[in-house]
Amino acid sequence: MSDDGSGGHYYWCTRHHRVETDADVCPARHVLGPYASAADADNALQTVRERNDAWDAEDARWAGEGR
């Protein structure tokens, strides 16, 4: 699937492990997004990991851990 710049949305489907568009998107419970580009959707799981790591670090900081 290519990012044709059509202005549509792209999603990462956790069920099919692929990028989907507005035209073929699975139910919301199976997707991450929307993303502005196919590349962003393709990197969705990495983005989730990075955000979770940052939030875990912030939670630890608030709890006074790691001092």
PDB file of N, CA and C in Angstrom:
ATOM      1  N   MET A   1       0.846  -1.170   0.000  1.00  0.00           N
ATOM      2  CA  MET A   1       0.000   0.000   0.000  1.00  0.00           C
ATOM      3  C   MET A   1       0.891   1.232   0.000  1.00  0.00           C
ATOM      4  N   SER A   2       0.575   2.207  -0.771  1.00  0.00           N
ATOM      5  CA  SER A   2       1.399   3.398  -0.851  1.00  0.00           C
ATOM      6  C   SER A   2       0.673   4.590  -0.263  1.00  0.00           C
ATOM      7  N   ASP A   3       1.458   5.558   0.153  1.00  0.00           N
ATOM      8  CA  ASP A   3       0.917   6.806   0.660  1.00  0.00           C
ATOM      9  C   ASP A   3       0.749   7.730  -0.535  1.00  0.00           C
ATOM     10  N   ASP A   4      -0.480   7.819  -1.047  1.00  0.00           N
ATOM     11  CA  ASP A   4      -0.711   8.579  -2.269  1.00  0.00           C
ATOM     12  C   ASP A   4      -1.023  10.046  -2.017  1.00  0.00           C
ATOM     13  N   GLY A   5      -0.984  10.479  -0.747  1.00  0.00           N
ATOM     14  CA  GLY A   5      -1.217  11.875  -0.435  1.00  0.00           C
ATOM     15  C   GLY A   5      -2.654  12.311  -0.641  1.00  0.00           C
ATOM     16  N   SER A   6      -3.577  11.375  -0.658  1.00  0.00           N
ATOM     17  CA  SER A   6      -4.972  11.699  -0.931  1.00  0.00           C
ATOM     18  C   SER A   6      -5.665  12.380   0.237  1.00  0.00           C
ATOM     19  N   GLY A   7      -5.003  12.495   1.369  1.00  0.00           N
ATOM     20  CA  GLY A   7      -5.608  13.151   2.517  1.00  0.00           C
ATOM     21  C   GLY A   7      -6.443  12.222   3.374  1.00  0.00           C
ATOM     22  N   GLY A   8      -6.489  10.945   3.029  1.00  0.00           N
ATOM     23  CA  GLY A   8      -7.227   9.975   3.829  1.00  0.00           C
ATOM     24  C   GLY A   8      -6.461   9.611   5.081  1.00  0.00           C
ATOM     25  N   HIS A   9      -7.035   8.714   5.828  1.00  0.00           N
ATOM     26  CA  HIS A   9      -6.402   8.262   7.058  1.00  0.00           C
ATOM     27  C   HIS A   9      -5.860   6.857   6.871  1.00  0.00           C
ATOM     28  N   TYR A  10      -4.854   6.546   7.672  1.00  0.00           N
ATOM     29  CA  TYR A  10      -4.216   5.238   7.651  1.00  0.00           C
ATOM     30  C   TYR A  10      -4.239   4.683   9.062  1.00  0.00           C
ATOM     31  N   TYR A  11      -4.338   3.374   9.175  1.00  0.00           N
ATOM     32  CA  TYR A  11      -4.458   2.695  10.460  1.00  0.00           C
ATOM     33  C   TYR A  11      -3.537   1.485  10.473  1.00  0.00           C
ATOM     34  N   TRP A  12      -3.081   1.106  11.671  1.00  0.00           N
ATOM     35  CA  TRP A  12      -2.358  -0.153  11.815  1.00  0.00           C
ATOM     36  C   TRP A  12      -3.341  -1.156  12.390  1.00  0.00           C
ATOM     37  N   CYS A  13      -3.572  -2.234  11.668  1.00  0.00           N
ATOM     38  CA  CYS A  13      -4.495  -3.270  12.104  1.00  0.00           C
ATOM     39  C   CYS A  13      -3.731  -4.303  12.927  1.00  0.00           C
ATOM     40  N   THR A  14      -4.105  -4.446  14.186  1.00  0.00           N
ATOM     41  CA  THR A  14      -3.444  -5.406  15.070  1.00  0.00           C
ATOM     42  C   THR A  14      -3.922  -6.830  14.797  1.00  0.00           C
ATOM     43  N   ARG A  15      -4.989  -6.966  14.074  1.00  0.00           N
ATOM     44  CA  ARG A  15      -5.520  -8.284  13.724  1.00  0.00           C
ATOM     45  C   ARG A  15      -4.813  -8.858  12.492  1.00  0.00           C
ATOM     46  N   HIS A  16      -4.627  -8.017  11.478  1.00  0.00           N
ATOM     47  CA  HIS A  16      -4.029  -8.465  10.226  1.00  0.00           C
ATOM     48  C   HIS A  16      -2.558  -8.074  10.072  1.00  0.00           C
ATOM     49  N   HIS A  17      -2.052  -7.259  11.011  1.00  0.00           N
ATOM     50  CA  HIS A  17      -0.654  -6.818  10.991  1.00  0.00           C
ATOM     51  C   HIS A  17      -0.302  -6.131   9.679  1.00  0.00           C
ATOM     52  N   ARG A  18      -1.119  -5.131   9.332  1.00  0.00           N
ATOM     53  CA  ARG A  18      -0.899  -4.386   8.098  1.00  0.00           C
ATOM     54  C   ARG A  18      -1.493  -2.986   8.219  1.00  0.00           C
ATOM     55  N   VAL A  19      -1.074  -2.137   7.300  1.00  0.00           N
ATOM     56  CA  VAL A  19      -1.646  -0.791   7.185  1.00  0.00           C
ATOM     57  C   VAL A  19      -2.964  -0.905   6.428  1.00  0.00           C
ATOM     58  N   GLU A  20      -3.978  -0.211   6.939  1.00  0.00           N
ATOM     59  CA  GLU A  20      -5.272  -0.160   6.275  1.00  0.00           C
ATOM     60  C   GLU A  20      -5.677   1.290   6.069  1.00  0.00           C
ATOM     61  N   THR A  21      -6.582   1.509   5.133  1.00  0.00           N
ATOM     62  CA  THR A  21      -7.059   2.854   4.824  1.00  0.00           C
ATOM     63  C   THR A  21      -8.519   2.996   5.232  1.00  0.00           C
ATOM     64  N   ASP A  22      -9.043   4.217   5.085  1.00  0.00           N
ATOM     65  CA  ASP A  22     -10.460   4.446   5.365  1.00  0.00           C
ATOM     66  C   ASP A  22     -11.338   3.482   4.564  1.00  0.00           C
ATOM     67  N   ALA A  23     -10.888   3.111   3.378  1.00  0.00           N
ATOM     68  CA  ALA A  23     -11.685   2.261   2.494  1.00  0.00           C
ATOM     69  C   ALA A  23     -11.769   0.811   2.962  1.00  0.00           C
ATOM     70  N   ASP A  24     -10.787   0.354   3.740  1.00  0.00           N
ATOM     71  CA  ASP A  24     -10.762  -1.066   4.119  1.00  0.00           C
ATOM     72  C   ASP A  24     -10.436  -1.297   5.592  1.00  0.00           C
ATOM     73  N   VAL A  25     -10.709  -0.326   6.435  1.00  0.00           N
ATOM     74  CA  VAL A  25     -10.309  -0.422   7.836  1.00  0.00           C
ATOM     75  C   VAL A  25     -11.180  -1.417   8.611  1.00  0.00           C
ATOM     76  N   CYS A  26     -10.531  -2.180   9.483  1.00  0.00           N
ATOM     77  CA  CYS A  26     -11.218  -3.111  10.373  1.00  0.00           C
ATOM     78  C   CYS A  26     -11.940  -2.327  11.479  1.00  0.00           C
ATOM     79  N   PRO A  27     -12.760  -3.000  12.280  1.00  0.00           N
ATOM     80  CA  PRO A  27     -13.421  -2.331  13.401  1.00  0.00           C
ATOM     81  C   PRO A  27     -12.400  -1.683  14.344  1.00  0.00           C
ATOM     82  N   ALA A  28     -12.819  -0.618  14.992  1.00  0.00           N
ATOM     83  CA  ALA A  28     -11.934   0.191  15.840  1.00  0.00           C
ATOM     84  C   ALA A  28     -11.195  -0.631  16.891  1.00  0.00           C
ATOM     85  N   ARG A  29     -11.784  -1.685  17.386  1.00  0.00           N
ATOM     86  CA  ARG A  29     -11.117  -2.475  18.435  1.00  0.00           C
ATOM     87  C   ARG A  29      -9.854  -3.169  17.928  1.00  0.00           C
ATOM     88  N   HIS A  30      -9.675  -3.209  16.601  1.00  0.00           N
ATOM     89  CA  HIS A  30      -8.525  -3.895  16.013  1.00  0.00           C
ATOM     90  C   HIS A  30      -7.474  -2.951  15.434  1.00  0.00           C
ATOM     91  N   VAL A  31      -7.674  -1.640  15.531  1.00  0.00           N
ATOM     92  CA  VAL A  31      -6.749  -0.737  14.847  1.00  0.00           C
ATOM     93  C   VAL A  31      -6.186   0.330  15.768  1.00  0.00           C
ATOM     94  N   LEU A  32      -5.000   0.813  15.384  1.00  0.00           N
ATOM     95  CA  LEU A  32      -4.385   1.983  15.995  1.00  0.00           C
ATOM     96  C   LEU A  32      -4.444   3.093  14.960  1.00  0.00           C
ATOM     97  N   GLY A  33      -4.734   4.286  15.395  1.00  0.00           N
ATOM     98  CA  GLY A  33      -4.783   5.405  14.455  1.00  0.00           C
ATOM     99  C   GLY A  33      -6.037   6.211  14.652  1.00  0.00           C
ATOM    100  N   PRO A  34      -6.275   7.131  13.803  1.00  0.00           N
ATOM    101  CA  PRO A  34      -5.736   7.286  12.459  1.00  0.00           C
ATOM    102  C   PRO A  34      -4.389   8.002  12.443  1.00  0.00           C
ATOM    103  N   TYR A  35      -3.646   7.736  11.386  1.00  0.00           N
ATOM    104  CA  TYR A  35      -2.374   8.385  11.118  1.00  0.00           C
ATOM    105  C   TYR A  35      -2.476   9.110   9.780  1.00  0.00           C
ATOM    106  N   ALA A  36      -1.659  10.136   9.619  1.00  0.00           N
ATOM    107  CA  ALA A  36      -1.695  10.961   8.411  1.00  0.00           C
ATOM    108  C   ALA A  36      -1.032  10.290   7.213  1.00  0.00           C
ATOM    109  N   SER A  37      -0.140   9.324   7.467  1.00  0.00           N
ATOM    110  CA  SER A  37       0.546   8.671   6.354  1.00  0.00           C
ATOM    111  C   SER A  37       0.627   7.164   6.597  1.00  0.00           C
ATOM    112  N   ALA A  38       0.825   6.433   5.513  1.00  0.00           N
ATOM    113  CA  ALA A  38       0.995   4.989   5.615  1.00  0.00           C
ATOM    114  C   ALA A  38       2.256   4.646   6.412  1.00  0.00           C
ATOM    115  N   ALA A  39       3.303   5.446   6.253  1.00  0.00           N
ATOM    116  CA  ALA A  39       4.547   5.208   6.994  1.00  0.00           C
ATOM    117  C   ALA A  39       4.330   5.358   8.491  1.00  0.00           C
ATOM    118  N   ASP A  40       3.577   6.378   8.903  1.00  0.00           N
ATOM    119  CA  ASP A  40       3.281   6.555  10.323  1.00  0.00           C
ATOM    120  C   ASP A  40       2.483   5.378  10.861  1.00  0.00           C
ATOM    121  N   ALA A  41       1.514   4.913  10.097  1.00  0.00           N
ATOM    122  CA  ALA A  41       0.723   3.757  10.519  1.00  0.00           C
ATOM    123  C   ALA A  41       1.595   2.514  10.610  1.00  0.00           C
ATOM    124  N   ASP A  42       2.512   2.355   9.662  1.00  0.00           N
ATOM    125  CA  ASP A  42       3.404   1.203   9.652  1.00  0.00           C
ATOM    126  C   ASP A  42       4.325   1.196  10.869  1.00  0.00           C
ATOM    127  N   ASN A  43       4.606   2.352  11.429  1.00  0.00           N
ATOM    128  CA  ASN A  43       5.462   2.480  12.612  1.00  0.00           C
ATOM    129  C   ASN A  43       4.669   2.600  13.902  1.00  0.00           C
ATOM    130  N   ALA A  44       3.385   2.313  13.866  1.00  0.00           N
ATOM    131  CA  ALA A  44       2.511   2.517  15.020  1.00  0.00           C
ATOM    132  C   ALA A  44       2.977   1.758  16.263  1.00  0.00           C
ATOM    133  N   LEU A  45       3.379   0.514  16.108  1.00  0.00           N
ATOM    134  CA  LEU A  45       3.779  -0.262  17.292  1.00  0.00           C
ATOM    135  C   LEU A  45       5.046   0.300  17.925  1.00  0.00           C
ATOM    136  N   GLN A  46       5.969   0.779  17.121  1.00  0.00           N
ATOM    137  CA  GLN A  46       7.173   1.422  17.659  1.00  0.00           C
ATOM    138  C   GLN A  46       6.800   2.700  18.406  1.00  0.00           C
ATOM    139  N   THR A  47       5.883   3.464  17.851  1.00  0.00           N
ATOM    140  CA  THR A  47       5.415   4.689  18.513  1.00  0.00           C
ATOM    141  C   THR A  47       4.776   4.361  19.851  1.00  0.00           C
ATOM    142  N   VAL A  48       3.978   3.314  19.897  1.00  0.00           N
ATOM    143  CA  VAL A  48       3.342   2.878  21.150  1.00  0.00           C
ATOM    144  C   VAL A  48       4.408   2.503  22.172  1.00  0.00           C
ATOM    145  N   ARG A  49       5.420   1.726  21.752  1.00  0.00           N
ATOM    146  CA  ARG A  49       6.493   1.326  22.675  1.00  0.00           C
ATOM    147  C   ARG A  49       7.221   2.547  23.235  1.00  0.00           C
ATOM    148  N   GLU A  50       7.548   3.493  22.366  1.00  0.00           N
ATOM    149  CA  GLU A  50       8.266   4.694  22.806  1.00  0.00           C
ATOM    150  C   GLU A  50       7.431   5.514  23.786  1.00  0.00           C
ATOM    151  N   ARG A  51       6.155   5.676  23.500  1.00  0.00           N
ATOM    152  CA  ARG A  51       5.283   6.432  24.408  1.00  0.00           C
ATOM    153  C   ARG A  51       5.126   5.712  25.741  1.00  0.00           C
ATOM    154  N   ASN A  52       4.957   4.394  25.705  1.00  0.00           N
ATOM    155  CA  ASN A  52       4.838   3.639  26.956  1.00  0.00           C
ATOM    156  C   ASN A  52       6.100   3.753  27.796  1.00  0.00           C
ATOM    157  N   ASP A  53       7.270   3.660  27.152  1.00  0.00           N
ATOM    158  CA  ASP A  53       8.535   3.811  27.878  1.00  0.00           C
ATOM    159  C   ASP A  53       8.636   5.185  28.519  1.00  0.00           C
ATOM    160  N   ALA A  54       8.256   6.219  27.774  1.00  0.00           N
ATOM    161  CA  ALA A  54       8.307   7.587  28.313  1.00  0.00           C
ATOM    162  C   ALA A  54       7.342   7.745  29.478  1.00  0.00           C
ATOM    163  N   TRP A  55       6.145   7.203  29.347  1.00  0.00           N
ATOM    164  CA  TRP A  55       5.164   7.312  30.428  1.00  0.00           C
ATOM    165  C   TRP A  55       5.602   6.506  31.654  1.00  0.00           C
ATOM    166  N   ASP A  56       6.194   5.325  31.441  1.00  0.00           N
ATOM    167  CA  ASP A  56       6.697   4.535  32.568  1.00  0.00           C
ATOM    168  C   ASP A  56       7.806   5.289  33.303  1.00  0.00           C
ATOM    169  N   ALA A  57       8.686   5.934  32.555  1.00  0.00           N
ATOM    170  CA  ALA A  57       9.755   6.716  33.171  1.00  0.00           C
ATOM    171  C   ALA A  57       9.179   7.888  33.951  1.00  0.00           C
ATOM    172  N   GLU A  58       8.175   8.532  33.400  1.00  0.00           N
ATOM    173  CA  GLU A  58       7.542   9.652  34.101  1.00  0.00           C
ATOM    174  C   GLU A  58       6.835   9.167  35.369  1.00  0.00           C
ATOM    175  N   ASP A  59       6.147   8.028  35.304  1.00  0.00           N
ATOM    176  CA  ASP A  59       5.512   7.467  36.487  1.00  0.00           C
ATOM    177  C   ASP A  59       6.553   7.152  37.563  1.00  0.00           C
ATOM    178  N   ALA A  60       7.682   6.578  37.156  1.00  0.00           N
ATOM    179  CA  ALA A  60       8.745   6.266  38.110  1.00  0.00           C
ATOM    180  C   ALA A  60       9.302   7.527  38.738  1.00  0.00           C
ATOM    181  N   ARG A  61       9.469   8.570  37.921  1.00  0.00           N
ATOM    182  CA  ARG A  61       9.956   9.843  38.452  1.00  0.00           C
ATOM    183  C   ARG A  61       9.000  10.401  39.492  1.00  0.00           C
ATOM    184  N   TRP A  62       7.711  10.359  39.204  1.00  0.00           N
ATOM    185  CA  TRP A  62       6.704  10.847  40.144  1.00  0.00           C
ATOM    186  C   TRP A  62       6.697  10.021  41.428  1.00  0.00           C
ATOM    187  N   ALA A  63       6.953   8.722  41.315  1.00  0.00           N
ATOM    188  CA  ALA A  63       6.944   7.841  42.475  1.00  0.00           C
ATOM    189  C   ALA A  63       8.243   7.922  43.258  1.00  0.00           C
ATOM    190  N   GLY A  64       9.228   8.683  42.743  1.00  0.00           N
ATOM    191  CA  GLY A  64      10.502   8.825  43.447  1.00  0.00           C
ATOM    192  C   GLY A  64      11.448   7.684  43.224  1.00  0.00           C
ATOM    193  N   GLU A  65      11.180   6.843  42.235  1.00  0.00           N
ATOM    194  CA  GLU A  65      12.056   5.725  41.928  1.00  0.00           C
ATOM    195  C   GLU A  65      13.254   6.206  41.121  1.00  0.00           C
ATOM    196  N   GLY A  66      14.330   5.465  41.214  1.00  0.00           N
ATOM    197  CA  GLY A  66      15.511   5.753  40.400  1.00  0.00           C
ATOM    198  C   GLY A  66      16.332   6.906  40.915  1.00  0.00           C
ATOM    199  N   ARG A  67      16.164   7.269  42.162  1.00  0.00           N
ATOM    200  CA  ARG A  67      16.976   8.360  42.719  1.00  0.00           C
ATOM    201  C   ARG A  67      18.219   7.832  43.353  1.00  0.00           C
TER     202      ARG A  67
END
